[in-house]
Protein backbone atom coordinates (compact mmCIF):
# COMPACT_ATOMS: atom_id res chain seq x y z
CA UNK A 1 95.89 115.62 114.80
CA UNK A 2 94.76 111.96 114.51
CA UNK A 3 92.11 110.11 112.54
CA UNK A 4 90.56 107.03 114.17
CA UNK A 5 90.60 104.25 111.64
CA UNK A 6 89.34 101.03 113.26
CA UNK A 7 91.33 100.85 116.52
CA UNK A 8 94.21 102.90 115.25
CA UNK A 9 94.92 106.62 115.54
CA UNK A 10 96.65 107.74 112.42
CA UNK A 11 98.45 111.00 112.18
CA UNK A 12 96.44 113.33 109.86
CA UNK A 13 98.40 116.52 109.54
CA UNK A 14 101.20 117.45 107.09
CA UNK A 15 104.69 116.02 106.93
CA UNK A 16 106.06 119.26 108.19
CA UNK A 17 103.87 119.16 111.28
CA UNK A 18 104.87 115.43 111.71
CA UNK A 19 108.46 116.31 111.88
CA UNK A 20 107.85 118.96 114.58
CA UNK A 21 105.69 116.47 116.52
CA UNK A 22 108.33 113.80 116.46
CA UNK A 23 110.73 116.07 118.32
CA UNK A 24 108.37 116.36 121.30
CA UNK A 25 109.07 112.86 122.35
CA UNK A 26 112.08 111.45 124.32
CA UNK A 27 111.57 108.15 122.48
CA UNK A 28 109.28 107.64 119.49
CA UNK A 29 108.31 104.71 117.26
CA UNK A 30 107.26 105.90 113.84
CA UNK A 31 105.09 103.29 112.04
CA UNK A 32 104.63 103.42 108.33
CA UNK A 33 100.97 102.78 108.41
CA UNK A 34 100.30 101.07 105.17
CA UNK A 35 97.34 98.63 104.71
CA UNK A 36 99.55 95.63 105.17
CA UNK A 37 100.84 96.69 108.55
CA UNK A 38 97.50 97.85 109.87
CA UNK A 39 95.57 94.83 108.62
CA UNK A 40 98.18 92.44 110.06
CA UNK A 41 98.00 94.35 113.29
CA UNK A 42 94.39 93.45 113.71
CA UNK A 43 95.33 89.85 114.03
CA UNK A 44 98.88 90.11 115.56
CA UNK A 45 98.85 91.32 119.15
CA UNK A 46 102.47 92.33 119.18
CA UNK A 47 102.11 94.55 116.14
CA UNK A 48 98.91 96.04 117.43
CA UNK A 49 100.38 96.78 120.86
CA UNK A 50 103.36 98.57 119.23
CA UNK A 51 100.83 100.73 117.21
CA UNK A 52 98.95 101.55 120.38
CA UNK A 53 101.74 102.79 122.68
CA UNK A 54 101.60 106.42 123.84
CA UNK A 55 104.95 107.19 122.02
CA UNK A 56 104.01 105.42 118.75
CA UNK A 57 103.02 107.53 115.70
CA UNK A 58 101.26 105.81 112.76
CA UNK A 59 101.76 107.75 109.51
CA UNK A 60 99.31 107.34 106.58
CA UNK A 61 101.72 105.52 104.20
CA UNK A 62 99.53 104.04 101.57
CA UNK A 63 96.56 104.96 99.40
CA UNK A 64 94.40 102.36 101.20
CA UNK A 65 94.85 104.23 104.44
CA UNK A 66 93.99 107.59 102.71
CA UNK A 67 90.82 106.03 101.39
CA UNK A 68 89.98 104.50 104.81
CA UNK A 69 90.35 107.94 106.39
CA UNK A 70 87.86 109.41 103.98
CA UNK A 71 85.41 106.66 104.74
CA UNK A 72 85.43 107.46 108.43
CA UNK A 73 85.08 111.10 107.46
CA UNK A 74 88.31 112.23 109.12
CA UNK A 75 90.55 112.55 106.07
CA UNK A 76 94.31 112.71 106.51
CA UNK A 77 95.72 115.93 105.19
CA UNK A 78 98.28 114.11 102.96
CA UNK A 79 99.81 110.66 102.30
CA UNK A 80 103.13 110.50 104.07
CA UNK A 81 105.59 107.93 102.58
CA UNK A 82 107.81 106.38 105.07
CA UNK A 83 110.89 106.82 102.96
CA UNK A 84 110.22 110.57 102.84
CA UNK A 85 110.04 110.70 106.61
CA UNK A 86 113.32 108.72 106.78
CA UNK A 87 114.96 111.21 104.51
CA UNK A 88 113.73 114.15 106.62
CA UNK A 89 115.08 112.56 109.75
CA UNK A 90 118.50 111.90 108.10
CA UNK A 91 118.69 115.61 107.00
CA UNK A 92 117.93 116.68 110.54
CA UNK A 93 120.66 114.28 111.90
CA UNK A 94 123.23 115.64 109.46
CA UNK A 95 122.32 119.25 110.37
CA UNK A 96 122.38 118.58 114.04
CA UNK A 97 125.34 116.26 114.11
CA UNK A 98 123.31 113.36 115.33
CA UNK A 99 124.13 109.72 114.38
CA UNK A 100 121.97 107.03 112.78
CA UNK A 101 122.06 103.25 112.84
CA UNK A 102 120.95 101.03 109.91
CA UNK A 103 119.66 97.55 110.55
CA UNK A 104 118.25 95.09 107.96
CA UNK A 105 118.46 94.01 104.34
CA UNK A 106 121.18 91.95 102.78
CA UNK A 107 124.77 92.92 103.42
CA UNK A 108 125.47 94.06 99.93
CA UNK A 109 122.40 96.26 100.03
CA UNK A 110 123.30 97.86 103.34
CA UNK A 111 126.96 98.52 102.22
CA UNK A 112 125.66 100.24 99.04
CA UNK A 113 123.08 102.10 101.05
CA UNK A 114 125.87 103.52 103.31
CA UNK A 115 127.94 104.54 100.36
CA UNK A 116 124.95 106.42 98.77
CA UNK A 117 124.05 108.09 102.01
CA UNK A 118 127.54 109.34 102.64
CA UNK A 119 127.71 110.68 99.15
CA UNK A 120 124.43 112.52 99.43
CA UNK A 121 124.94 113.64 103.06
CA UNK A 122 128.67 114.26 103.42
CA UNK A 123 128.44 115.18 107.07
CA UNK A 124 126.02 112.45 108.14
CA UNK A 125 127.22 110.25 111.06
CA UNK A 126 126.47 106.59 110.46
CA UNK A 127 127.11 105.04 113.94
CA UNK A 128 126.83 101.41 112.81
CA UNK A 129 125.01 98.94 110.78
CA UNK A 130 124.04 95.27 110.65
CA UNK A 131 122.26 93.18 108.02
CA UNK A 132 118.78 91.78 108.81
CA UNK A 133 119.75 88.01 108.89
CA UNK A 134 119.91 87.24 112.63
CA UNK A 135 117.87 85.56 115.36
CA UNK A 136 115.88 88.30 117.08
CA UNK A 137 115.76 86.30 120.29
CA UNK A 138 119.51 85.90 120.35
CA UNK A 139 121.19 89.12 119.18
CA UNK A 140 123.08 90.51 122.14
CA UNK A 141 125.93 91.43 119.90
CA UNK A 142 123.83 93.68 117.78
CA UNK A 143 122.07 95.27 120.81
CA UNK A 144 125.37 95.93 122.43
CA UNK A 145 126.71 97.60 119.31
CA UNK A 146 123.67 99.94 119.24
CA UNK A 147 124.07 100.75 122.85
CA UNK A 148 127.83 101.53 122.35
CA UNK A 149 127.26 103.70 119.30
CA UNK A 150 124.31 105.65 120.87
CA UNK A 151 122.61 106.70 117.66
CA UNK A 152 119.83 109.24 117.53
CA UNK A 153 117.78 107.23 115.09
CA UNK A 154 117.56 103.59 114.13
CA UNK A 155 116.10 102.50 110.83
CA UNK A 156 115.05 98.86 110.64
CA UNK A 157 114.58 97.44 107.20
CA UNK A 158 113.33 93.93 107.73
CA UNK A 159 109.78 94.00 106.37
CA UNK A 160 106.46 93.66 108.20
CA UNK A 161 106.03 92.20 110.80
CA UNK A 162 109.63 91.42 111.62
CA UNK A 163 110.86 95.09 111.82
CA UNK A 164 107.92 96.15 113.98
CA UNK A 165 108.51 93.14 116.39
CA UNK A 166 112.21 93.99 116.72
CA UNK A 167 111.38 97.57 117.61
CA UNK A 168 108.63 96.52 120.04
CA UNK A 169 111.03 94.04 121.78
CA UNK A 170 114.05 96.24 122.18
CA UNK A 171 113.07 99.96 122.00
CA UNK A 172 112.89 100.37 125.77
CA UNK A 173 116.27 98.99 126.39
CA UNK A 174 118.10 100.93 123.62
CA UNK A 175 119.37 104.54 123.76
CA UNK A 176 118.05 105.95 120.49
CA UNK A 177 115.36 108.55 120.25
CA UNK A 178 113.76 107.59 117.03
CA UNK A 179 112.83 104.06 115.90
CA UNK A 180 111.37 103.41 112.51
CA UNK A 181 110.57 100.33 110.35
CA UNK A 182 111.36 101.31 106.74
CA UNK A 183 110.68 98.19 104.75
CA UNK A 184 112.44 98.28 101.39
CA UNK A 185 113.82 101.77 101.76
CA UNK A 186 117.43 100.55 101.88
CA UNK A 187 117.01 98.93 98.44
CA UNK A 188 115.70 102.29 97.03
CA UNK A 189 118.53 104.30 98.65
CA UNK A 190 121.07 101.76 97.39
CA UNK A 191 119.69 102.18 93.87
CA UNK A 192 118.51 98.63 93.52
CA UNK A 193 114.87 99.55 93.34
CA UNK A 194 113.47 102.79 91.94
CA UNK A 195 110.49 104.79 93.26
CA UNK A 196 107.54 105.43 90.98
CA UNK A 197 107.52 108.56 88.79
CA UNK A 198 106.44 111.66 90.66
CA UNK A 199 103.03 111.86 88.91
CA UNK A 200 102.26 108.22 89.95
CA UNK A 201 103.17 109.05 93.59
CA UNK A 202 100.97 112.19 93.42
CA UNK A 203 97.90 110.18 92.32
CA UNK A 204 98.43 107.29 94.71
CA UNK A 205 99.64 104.77 92.16
CA UNK A 206 103.03 103.95 93.55
CA UNK A 207 101.71 100.51 94.44
CA UNK A 208 100.97 99.86 90.79
CA UNK A 209 104.47 100.82 89.72
CA UNK A 210 106.06 98.55 92.41
CA UNK A 211 103.89 95.63 91.24
CA UNK A 212 104.79 96.15 87.64
CA UNK A 213 108.41 96.03 88.59
CA UNK A 214 108.13 93.30 91.25
CA UNK A 215 105.15 91.08 90.25
CA UNK A 216 105.52 88.90 93.35
CA UNK A 217 104.26 91.93 95.45
CA UNK A 218 100.75 91.41 94.03
CA UNK A 219 99.92 89.01 96.82
CA UNK A 220 100.65 91.66 99.37
CA UNK A 221 98.07 94.02 97.61
CA UNK A 222 95.28 92.07 99.06
CA UNK A 223 95.68 93.94 102.28
CA UNK A 224 94.39 97.16 100.61
CA UNK A 225 90.76 95.89 99.85
CA UNK A 226 90.74 93.85 103.05
CA UNK A 227 91.50 96.97 105.13
CA UNK A 228 88.91 99.11 103.31
CA UNK A 229 86.23 96.47 103.60
CA UNK A 230 86.99 96.09 107.31
CA UNK A 231 86.62 99.88 107.72
CA UNK A 232 83.37 99.86 105.75
CA UNK A 233 82.01 96.92 107.74
CA UNK A 234 82.84 98.56 111.11
CA UNK A 235 81.31 101.90 110.10
CA UNK A 236 78.06 100.79 108.48
CA UNK A 237 77.27 97.28 109.64
CA UNK A 238 78.48 97.07 113.21
CA UNK A 239 77.13 100.51 114.09
CA UNK A 240 73.65 99.56 112.83
CA UNK A 241 73.77 96.31 114.77
């Protein structure tokens, strides 16, 4: 069920099997395991700890992680984009009358995101929301709001590593069952950013589309070759030594 990539255990089955597996946990932290998150986690103890907990699931969200799984000869069954997992959880919540909480992004983005979600999922319960501009070490009002609203799932859109650190800090004290860092997903749902065409997603070229639309992202692409080279080094150099 998992592929060992460096010191991470990455889920390697289908998205359908992932959704079934999520429901076996009382509390679960779903980590979009793209190269940026995994590479940063090698040098950030708080991220790595969050990725290593018994109730954490790292999904292969990124072509770099798919390539890395092939290098270690334990290929993942499919690339699982975090935004698609978020969508599946939202569908489940609407169907089962469970609430969600949205945390992160700018206020205008989160407001538009809520409008779009309510339009698409008319029966979805959105228990509460808050933008991502706050001090994580002093946010009792937000934590109390989450406790009072008792959502089933919390989606945190504050980018890596901030969203992972928030979840790691407060997951144990909050009542939700599902915790997931979703990066720029609120922007996509709000219609401010488009996903790549289906054919580009299929061939693992979504990163290229996003860089073409947002050139500032090119700096973040360095994590892809860095992660792959680290995997190659660990497999072929360290083992020989």
